[in-house]
Structure formats: structure tokens, C-alpha cells
Protein backbone atom coordinates (compact mmCIF):
# COMPACT_ATOMS: atom_id res chain seq x y z
CA MET A 1 -2.78 23.24 -9.02
CA GLU A 2 -6.15 21.55 -9.38
CA THR A 3 -7.10 18.46 -7.24
CA ARG A 4 -6.45 15.17 -8.92
CA TYR A 5 -8.19 11.90 -8.19
CA ILE A 6 -6.37 8.66 -8.86
CA LYS A 7 -8.10 5.34 -9.12
CA PRO A 8 -6.73 1.85 -10.09
CA VAL A 9 -7.29 0.62 -13.72
CA ASN A 10 -8.16 -2.86 -12.33
CA SER A 11 -11.15 -1.79 -10.13
CA GLN A 12 -13.80 -2.86 -12.79
CA PRO A 13 -12.90 -6.52 -13.28
CA SER A 14 -14.00 -7.37 -9.76
CA ILE A 15 -17.58 -6.90 -10.88
CA TYR A 16 -17.05 -9.57 -13.53
CA TRP A 17 -15.34 -11.91 -11.16
CA PHE A 18 -18.28 -11.49 -8.71
CA ALA A 19 -20.75 -12.28 -11.53
CA LEU A 20 -18.69 -15.39 -12.60
CA SER A 21 -18.58 -16.69 -9.12
CA LEU A 22 -22.39 -16.39 -8.84
CA ALA A 23 -22.82 -18.13 -12.13
CA MET A 24 -20.61 -20.97 -10.84
CA ILE A 25 -22.76 -21.33 -7.69
CA LEU A 26 -25.86 -21.41 -9.87
CA ALA A 27 -24.32 -24.09 -12.15
CA ILE A 28 -23.32 -26.23 -9.21
CA GLY A 29 -26.89 -26.01 -7.81
CA ILE A 30 -28.44 -26.93 -11.16
CA THR A 31 -26.04 -29.79 -11.65
CA SER A 32 -26.66 -31.36 -8.21
CA PHE A 33 -30.41 -31.10 -8.83
CA ILE A 34 -30.32 -32.69 -12.31
CA LEU A 35 -27.70 -35.26 -11.46
CA PRO A 36 -28.27 -36.33 -7.87
CA THR A 37 -25.96 -39.25 -8.20
CA ILE A 38 -22.91 -37.08 -9.03
CA ASN A 39 -19.95 -37.00 -6.72
CA ASN A 40 -21.16 -34.75 -3.84
CA VAL A 41 -17.64 -34.32 -2.40
CA GLY A 42 -16.43 -32.78 -5.55
CA LEU A 43 -19.27 -30.40 -5.89
CA SER A 44 -18.88 -29.42 -2.27
CA VAL A 45 -15.23 -28.42 -2.95
CA LEU A 46 -16.29 -26.50 -6.01
CA LEU A 47 -19.06 -24.82 -4.16
CA LEU A 48 -16.72 -23.77 -1.32
CA PHE A 49 -14.24 -22.34 -3.87
CA ALA A 50 -17.00 -20.35 -5.56
CA LEU A 51 -18.35 -18.99 -2.26
CA THR A 52 -14.81 -17.95 -1.20
CA PHE A 53 -14.07 -16.28 -4.65
CA SER A 54 -17.47 -14.51 -4.44
CA VAL A 55 -16.65 -13.04 -1.05
CA ILE A 56 -13.25 -11.81 -2.20
CA ALA A 57 -14.72 -10.32 -5.40
CA PHE A 58 -17.52 -8.62 -3.34
CA LYS A 59 -15.03 -7.07 -0.96
CA GLN A 60 -13.02 -5.70 -3.95
CA MET A 61 -16.23 -4.29 -5.46
CA ASN A 62 -16.91 -2.38 -2.14
CA ALA A 63 -13.44 -0.99 -1.91
CA PRO A 64 -13.05 2.66 -2.46
CA ILE A 65 -12.96 3.72 -6.07
CA LEU A 66 -10.26 6.24 -5.39
CA THR A 67 -6.86 5.25 -4.28
CA PHE A 68 -5.15 8.73 -4.03
CA THR A 69 -6.15 12.37 -3.94
CA LEU A 70 -3.52 14.98 -4.78
CA SER A 71 -4.62 18.51 -3.82
CA PHE A 72 -2.51 21.68 -3.39
CA MET A 73 -1.99 21.01 0.36
CA HIS A 74 -2.22 17.20 0.81
CA PHE A 75 -1.33 13.84 -0.59
CA GLN A 76 -3.89 11.33 0.56
CA TYR A 77 -4.37 7.58 0.25
CA HIS A 78 -7.81 5.77 0.44
CA SER A 79 -8.49 2.08 0.97
CA ALA A 80 -11.21 -0.21 2.47
CA GLU A 81 -9.16 -0.34 5.69
CA GLY A 82 -8.71 3.42 5.95
CA GLY A 83 -6.13 5.82 4.69
CA TRP A 84 -3.47 8.49 5.42
CA SER A 85 -2.94 12.01 4.62
CA ILE A 86 0.36 13.86 4.35
CA ARG A 87 1.10 17.56 3.81
CA TRP A 88 3.34 18.08 0.78
CA GLN A 89 5.68 20.22 2.99
CA ALA A 90 6.15 17.04 5.18
CA ILE A 91 7.55 15.06 2.27
CA GLN A 92 11.38 15.23 1.64
CA GLN A 93 11.63 13.07 -1.41
CA LEU A 94 9.62 10.98 -3.98
CA GLY A 95 11.12 8.64 -6.39
CA LEU A 96 11.58 5.25 -8.03
CA THR A 97 12.46 2.30 -5.83
CA GLU A 98 15.79 0.77 -6.98
CA LEU A 99 17.94 -2.06 -5.78
CA PRO A 100 21.64 -2.69 -6.63
CA THR A 101 22.57 -5.84 -8.57
CA THR A 102 25.74 -7.97 -8.50
CA GLU A 103 26.61 -6.65 -12.01
CA GLY A 104 26.84 -3.05 -10.69
CA TRP A 105 23.62 -1.59 -12.10
CA TYR A 106 20.32 -0.84 -10.41
CA GLN A 107 17.03 -2.75 -10.85
CA THR A 108 14.02 -0.59 -10.88
CA LEU A 109 10.93 -2.02 -8.92
CA PRO A 110 7.30 -1.16 -9.60
CA TRP A 111 6.99 0.91 -6.46
CA MET A 112 7.26 4.66 -5.68
CA GLY A 113 9.24 5.51 -2.58
CA VAL A 114 8.10 8.25 -0.12
CA LYS A 115 10.71 9.84 2.23
CA LEU A 116 9.31 12.06 5.06
CA LYS A 117 10.97 14.91 6.89
CA ASP A 118 9.77 13.43 10.14
CA TYR A 119 7.53 10.56 11.08
CA ASP A 120 5.42 12.12 13.86
CA ALA A 121 2.45 13.58 11.91
CA PHE A 122 2.18 10.48 9.60
CA LEU A 123 2.36 7.93 12.35
CA THR A 124 -0.27 9.61 14.51
CA SER A 125 -2.67 9.73 11.56
CA VAL A 126 -2.46 6.18 10.50
CA CYS A 127 -4.86 3.65 12.07
CA PRO A 128 -3.69 0.04 13.02
CA ARG A 129 -5.61 -1.51 10.15
CA VAL A 130 -3.69 0.66 7.61
CA ALA A 131 -0.46 0.08 9.44
CA SER A 132 -1.03 -3.68 9.22
CA LYS A 133 -1.86 -3.47 5.48
CA MET A 134 1.32 -1.54 4.74
CA LEU A 135 3.48 -3.94 6.82
CA ILE A 136 2.09 -6.99 4.97
CA GLU A 137 2.09 -5.54 1.45
CA GLN A 138 5.56 -3.97 1.60
CA ARG A 139 7.45 -6.76 3.37
CA GLY A 140 8.58 -8.18 0.08
CA LEU A 141 10.61 -5.11 -0.65
CA LEU A 142 12.55 -5.55 2.69
CA PHE A 143 13.26 -9.23 1.73
CA LEU A 144 14.73 -8.11 -1.56
CA ALA A 145 16.78 -5.39 0.07
CA VAL A 146 18.31 -7.68 2.71
CA LYS A 147 19.04 -10.20 -0.03
CA ARG A 148 20.86 -7.65 -2.02
CA THR A 149 22.75 -6.18 0.94
CA PRO A 150 25.90 -8.10 1.87
CA ASN A 151 26.57 -8.44 5.59
CA SER A 152 23.30 -6.78 6.59
CA PRO A 153 23.48 -5.55 10.24
CA HIS A 154 19.98 -6.76 10.89
CA ALA A 155 18.36 -10.18 10.72
CA ILE A 156 15.23 -10.18 8.49
CA GLU A 157 13.06 -11.71 11.23
CA ASP A 158 14.04 -8.92 13.57
CA MET A 159 13.13 -6.16 11.13
CA LEU A 160 9.79 -7.74 10.05
CA PHE A 161 8.46 -8.04 13.66
CA ASP A 162 10.28 -5.26 15.48
CA ASP A 163 7.55 -3.74 17.73
CA THR A 164 9.95 -1.84 20.00
CA PRO A 165 7.97 1.16 21.34
CA TYR A 166 8.56 4.28 19.28
CA THR A 167 8.76 7.77 20.93
CA THR A 168 7.75 10.75 18.88
CA GLN A 169 9.53 14.14 19.05
CA LYS A 170 6.75 15.34 21.25
CA GLY A 171 7.30 12.50 23.78
CA VAL A 172 4.35 10.34 22.73
CA VAL A 173 5.11 6.69 22.97
CA LEU A 174 3.57 4.63 20.25
CA LYS A 175 3.18 0.83 20.57
CA GLY A 176 1.83 -2.17 18.73
CA LEU A 177 1.29 -1.93 14.99
CA ILE A 178 2.03 1.73 14.75
CA ALA A 179 5.38 1.27 16.50
CA MET A 180 6.06 -1.66 14.27
CA LEU A 181 5.39 0.53 11.23
CA ALA A 182 7.67 3.15 12.59
CA ASN A 183 10.48 0.75 13.01
CA ARG A 184 9.88 -0.72 9.59
CA MET A 185 10.18 2.78 8.10
CA ARG A 186 13.48 3.16 9.70
CA TYR A 187 14.82 -0.05 8.16
CA ASN A 188 13.27 0.85 4.81
CA ARG A 189 15.23 4.15 4.89
CA GLU A 190 18.41 2.36 5.77
CA LEU A 191 18.27 -0.23 3.15
CA LEU A 192 16.10 1.37 0.36
CA GLY A 193 16.42 5.13 0.90
CA PHE A 194 12.65 5.67 1.45
CA ASP A 195 10.32 5.23 4.37
CA PHE A 196 7.33 3.61 2.68
CA PHE A 197 6.19 2.73 -0.77
CA ILE A 198 3.28 2.98 -3.19
CA SER A 199 2.64 0.16 -5.65
CA ASP A 200 2.08 0.85 -9.33
CA ASP A 201 -1.10 -1.36 -9.44
CA LEU A 202 -2.88 1.36 -7.42
CA LEU A 203 -2.49 3.92 -10.07
CA ASP A 204 -4.34 4.89 -13.24
CA ARG A 205 -1.14 5.83 -15.20
CA PRO A 206 2.50 4.59 -15.60
CA LEU A 207 4.62 4.85 -12.48
CA GLY A 208 7.04 7.28 -13.91
CA GLU A 209 4.24 9.59 -14.97
CA PHE A 210 2.70 9.47 -11.51
CA ILE A 211 5.88 10.27 -9.80
CA GLY A 212 6.33 13.33 -12.19
CA LEU A 213 2.82 14.43 -11.30
CA ALA A 214 3.40 14.12 -7.59
CA ARG A 215 6.75 15.87 -7.79
CA ARG A 216 5.08 18.86 -9.49
CA TYR A 217 2.64 19.21 -6.44
CA LEU A 218 5.59 18.75 -4.09
CA ALA A 219 7.50 21.52 -5.91
CA GLN A 220 4.61 23.82 -5.88
CA ALA A 221 4.04 23.32 -2.15
CA ASN A 222 7.70 23.98 -1.34
CA ASP A 223 7.70 27.09 -3.45
CA ALA A 224 4.45 28.44 -1.98
CA PRO A 225 5.00 31.32 0.53
CA THR A 226 4.27 30.54 4.10
CA PHE A 227 2.35 33.17 6.19
CA LYS A 228 3.05 33.75 9.84
CA HIS A 229 0.49 35.33 12.08
CA LYS A 230 1.70 37.92 14.57
CA VAL A 231 0.62 37.37 18.07
């Protein structure tokens, strides 16, 4: 299959927000010059707000245009903090994230779940900044899962901040944010059925359509013959 590049549909508005914040700063400067007797405290608060807003918009403008790359071999994520890359053959399952309700049906959430065959290759390729980003952005899902799980065996604060060292199958001991991510992935799988998640606001198409596309790449990779070299 040909390589596909995915970019979020909301990447362009950051340019307009940055322009708006600059216009606000200019307007505040002109107002303070023309009306020197105006309340300076109020203008200072507005100026601080406009400057903060401009910094946020500028950072979004400089974020990578691409969010995902799907090639015949890899599934890759790109962000300003870094990214990750997974071989399709290392993925066990992709699917919609769902939570049970008290009425007996399932609520679909705007996230795609990813379940890996093992954690080692993924964890050793993720940098601490990306791990921190994933831990923060996906913690809301864990809150929901615990809320919907009666008599949960774990306290939410223990799961959110569990930095117990994680030992890979090759005996490498991971600590800090990477260990915290590994432990979070275990809790995610126990409560949600997947290891980590991808939000639909990172995509250029409906979530269901993206899952179908990713599954076609996954199916092709699993069907591809593997060649072993004789020694």
C-alpha cells in the first residue's frame, strides 16, 4: 500500500489566532497612546492575555503539519515534542474505545485504541517528552474507566502516578516517565482493553474511517510473507 500522510484539520486556524493576538497587542498600544488617562491596570491585564495567547498560537503554528504517517511497514506519530514509530506486525489490535454504561450498552469515545503484542520496542523508542504528553492527554480516559468500573482494584491516584520501574523482556530496567507510561499502559489494557489511544482531533477524517484505513495496513502487514536469511 502507498504511504499515507495524516494531518489535523484544525492546523490552519492557529495562524488566524496568532494574527488576532497581534492585532490585539497593536490595538492596546494605540489605545494607551491616544488615551493616556485610561485604566492602565485593565490594559496591562489585556496585554498579558494577548501576549500569552500569541505565544500559544505561535507554538501551534510551528507544530509539525503531519500527525501520522502510515507506510507498508510502520505506523508513525509526529508532534512538536517528538514522536513514536511502531511496526505494523507489533500491533495486536486497533479499534474504537468504548466504555460500559449503567444501562447495559457501550458508550463510544472519540479515541482509537492501540493494543500491542509487547511493550519493549515501543517503550524504548519513546522519549520522555512524548511519554509525558501521552500521560497527560490520556489520563481523562482512565478517570472515566475507573468511574465506570465498580469495585476497581486500583485507586485512581495510584494508577496516575505509578512510576514503579519496568523491566523489559530483555532485562532492561526503565525508570521515570517511561516506566510510568509502561504502567499506565498496563492499567489501560486492564480497564479499557487497549494500551494507549489516539484522539480524533489529530485526524483529517472521521475516526471510523481512519480505523478502517489503519486496519487495512495492519492486515496487509500480517499477510505479507516473512523472509528468513540462512546463516
